[in-house]
Amino acid sequence: MFDDVLGILDKHTEAFRDGVRDQFGASVIADVLDPIRREIEILCSFHEDVQQQALNIAQVLEEARSITLAEGSQQCE
């Protein structure tokens, strides 16, 4: 999700960097584009962590459901 945004930012940053000929352009890269890139990288990492946690929760829920079903079938016997 954020990887696409990061790719787009990198593409446009490189295009901008190729055309930079003065200190103002360099400061736009250093003070605007690079910090935005770092923030997007943080979002990518956070998103990956959330996905992993969601997977872990789904696995625990599945285990809990199977235990509940096993206990329920034993009580019916």
C-alpha atoms as a PDB file:
ATOM      1  CA  MET A   1       0.000   0.000   0.000  1.00  0.00           C
ATOM      2  CA  PHE A   2       2.552   2.575   1.112  1.00  0.00           C
ATOM      3  CA  ASP A   3       5.203   0.908  -1.037  1.00  0.00           C
ATOM      4  CA  ASP A   4       3.467   2.282  -4.140  1.00  0.00           C
ATOM      5  CA  VAL A   5       3.491   5.786  -2.683  1.00  0.00           C
ATOM      6  CA  LEU A   6       7.158   5.403  -1.774  1.00  0.00           C
ATOM      7  CA  GLY A   7       7.955   4.324  -5.335  1.00  0.00           C
ATOM      8  CA  ILE A   8       6.128   7.302  -6.788  1.00  0.00           C
ATOM      9  CA  LEU A   9       7.889   9.680  -4.403  1.00  0.00           C
ATOM     10  CA  ASP A  10      11.286   8.195  -5.271  1.00  0.00           C
ATOM     11  CA  LYS A  11      10.585   8.528  -8.988  1.00  0.00           C
ATOM     12  CA  HIS A  12       9.581  12.170  -8.712  1.00  0.00           C
ATOM     13  CA  THR A  13      12.350  13.000  -6.254  1.00  0.00           C
ATOM     14  CA  GLU A  14      14.954  11.632  -8.649  1.00  0.00           C
ATOM     15  CA  ALA A  15      13.423  13.566 -11.537  1.00  0.00           C
ATOM     16  CA  PHE A  16      13.466  16.721  -9.405  1.00  0.00           C
ATOM     17  CA  ARG A  17      17.031  16.011  -8.223  1.00  0.00           C
ATOM     18  CA  ASP A  18      18.192  15.682 -11.836  1.00  0.00           C
ATOM     19  CA  GLY A  19      16.922  19.168 -12.557  1.00  0.00           C
ATOM     20  CA  VAL A  20      18.223  20.860  -9.400  1.00  0.00           C
ATOM     21  CA  ARG A  21      20.849  23.454 -10.156  1.00  0.00           C
ATOM     22  CA  ASP A  22      20.786  25.684  -7.087  1.00  0.00           C
ATOM     23  CA  GLN A  23      20.785  25.687  -3.302  1.00  0.00           C
ATOM     24  CA  PHE A  24      17.032  26.310  -3.119  1.00  0.00           C
ATOM     25  CA  GLY A  25      16.295  23.130  -5.067  1.00  0.00           C
ATOM     26  CA  ALA A  26      18.722  21.188  -2.886  1.00  0.00           C
ATOM     27  CA  SER A  27      17.003  22.531   0.227  1.00  0.00           C
ATOM     28  CA  VAL A  28      13.598  21.389  -1.126  1.00  0.00           C
ATOM     29  CA  ILE A  29      15.007  17.873  -1.359  1.00  0.00           C
ATOM     30  CA  ALA A  30      16.675  17.972   2.066  1.00  0.00           C
ATOM     31  CA  ASP A  31      13.944  19.832   3.951  1.00  0.00           C
ATOM     32  CA  VAL A  32      10.773  18.573   2.244  1.00  0.00           C
ATOM     33  CA  LEU A  33      11.168  15.464   0.120  1.00  0.00           C
ATOM     34  CA  ASP A  34      13.608  13.522   2.307  1.00  0.00           C
ATOM     35  CA  PRO A  35      11.508  14.001   5.497  1.00  0.00           C
ATOM     36  CA  ILE A  36       8.382  12.941   3.593  1.00  0.00           C
ATOM     37  CA  ARG A  37      10.233   9.808   2.467  1.00  0.00           C
ATOM     38  CA  ARG A  38      11.221   8.997   6.047  1.00  0.00           C
ATOM     39  CA  GLU A  39       7.612   9.411   7.196  1.00  0.00           C
ATOM     40  CA  ILE A  40       6.351   7.116   4.439  1.00  0.00           C
ATOM     41  CA  GLU A  41       8.985   4.530   5.412  1.00  0.00           C
ATOM     42  CA  ILE A  42       7.686   4.693   8.994  1.00  0.00           C
ATOM     43  CA  LEU A  43       4.134   4.191   7.705  1.00  0.00           C
ATOM     44  CA  CYS A  44       5.291   1.191   5.641  1.00  0.00           C
ATOM     45  CA  SER A  45       6.858  -0.370   8.704  1.00  0.00           C
ATOM     46  CA  PHE A  46       3.796   0.363  10.839  1.00  0.00           C
ATOM     47  CA  HIS A  47       1.519  -1.132   8.176  1.00  0.00           C
ATOM     48  CA  GLU A  48       3.621  -4.310   8.039  1.00  0.00           C
ATOM     49  CA  ASP A  49       3.479  -4.580  11.839  1.00  0.00           C
ATOM     50  CA  VAL A  50      -0.301  -4.158  11.832  1.00  0.00           C
ATOM     51  CA  GLN A  51      -0.677  -6.828   9.148  1.00  0.00           C
ATOM     52  CA  GLN A  52       1.468  -9.234  11.163  1.00  0.00           C
ATOM     53  CA  GLN A  53      -0.545  -8.559  14.311  1.00  0.00           C
ATOM     54  CA  ALA A  54      -3.799  -9.112  12.417  1.00  0.00           C
ATOM     55  CA  LEU A  55      -2.456 -12.448  11.192  1.00  0.00           C
ATOM     56  CA  ASN A  56      -1.437 -13.415  14.727  1.00  0.00           C
ATOM     57  CA  ILE A  57      -4.883 -12.474  16.060  1.00  0.00           C
ATOM     58  CA  ALA A  58      -6.595 -14.476  13.321  1.00  0.00           C
ATOM     59  CA  GLN A  59      -4.480 -17.520  14.208  1.00  0.00           C
ATOM     60  CA  VAL A  60      -5.269 -17.222  17.922  1.00  0.00           C
ATOM     61  CA  LEU A  61      -8.973 -16.849  17.150  1.00  0.00           C
ATOM     62  CA  GLU A  62      -8.885 -19.914  14.921  1.00  0.00           C
ATOM     63  CA  GLU A  63      -7.174 -21.900  17.680  1.00  0.00           C
ATOM     64  CA  ALA A  64      -9.759 -20.683  20.209  1.00  0.00           C
ATOM     65  CA  ARG A  65     -12.596 -21.664  17.876  1.00  0.00           C
ATOM     66  CA  SER A  66     -11.166 -25.136  17.362  1.00  0.00           C
ATOM     67  CA  ILE A  67     -10.782 -25.614  21.128  1.00  0.00           C
ATOM     68  CA  THR A  68     -14.355 -24.439  21.696  1.00  0.00           C
ATOM     69  CA  LEU A  69     -15.652 -26.769  18.987  1.00  0.00           C
ATOM     70  CA  ALA A  70     -13.667 -29.696  20.391  1.00  0.00           C
ATOM     71  CA  GLU A  71     -14.981 -29.060  23.891  1.00  0.00           C
ATOM     72  CA  GLY A  72     -18.544 -28.696  22.590  1.00  0.00           C
ATOM     73  CA  SER A  73     -18.426 -31.987  20.751  1.00  0.00           C
ATOM     74  CA  GLN A  74     -17.043 -33.759  23.816  1.00  0.00           C
ATOM     75  CA  GLN A  75     -19.893 -32.437  25.941  1.00  0.00           C
ATOM     76  CA  CYS A  76     -22.467 -33.777  23.460  1.00  0.00           C
ATOM     77  CA  GLU A  77     -21.153 -37.343  23.821  1.00  0.00           C
END
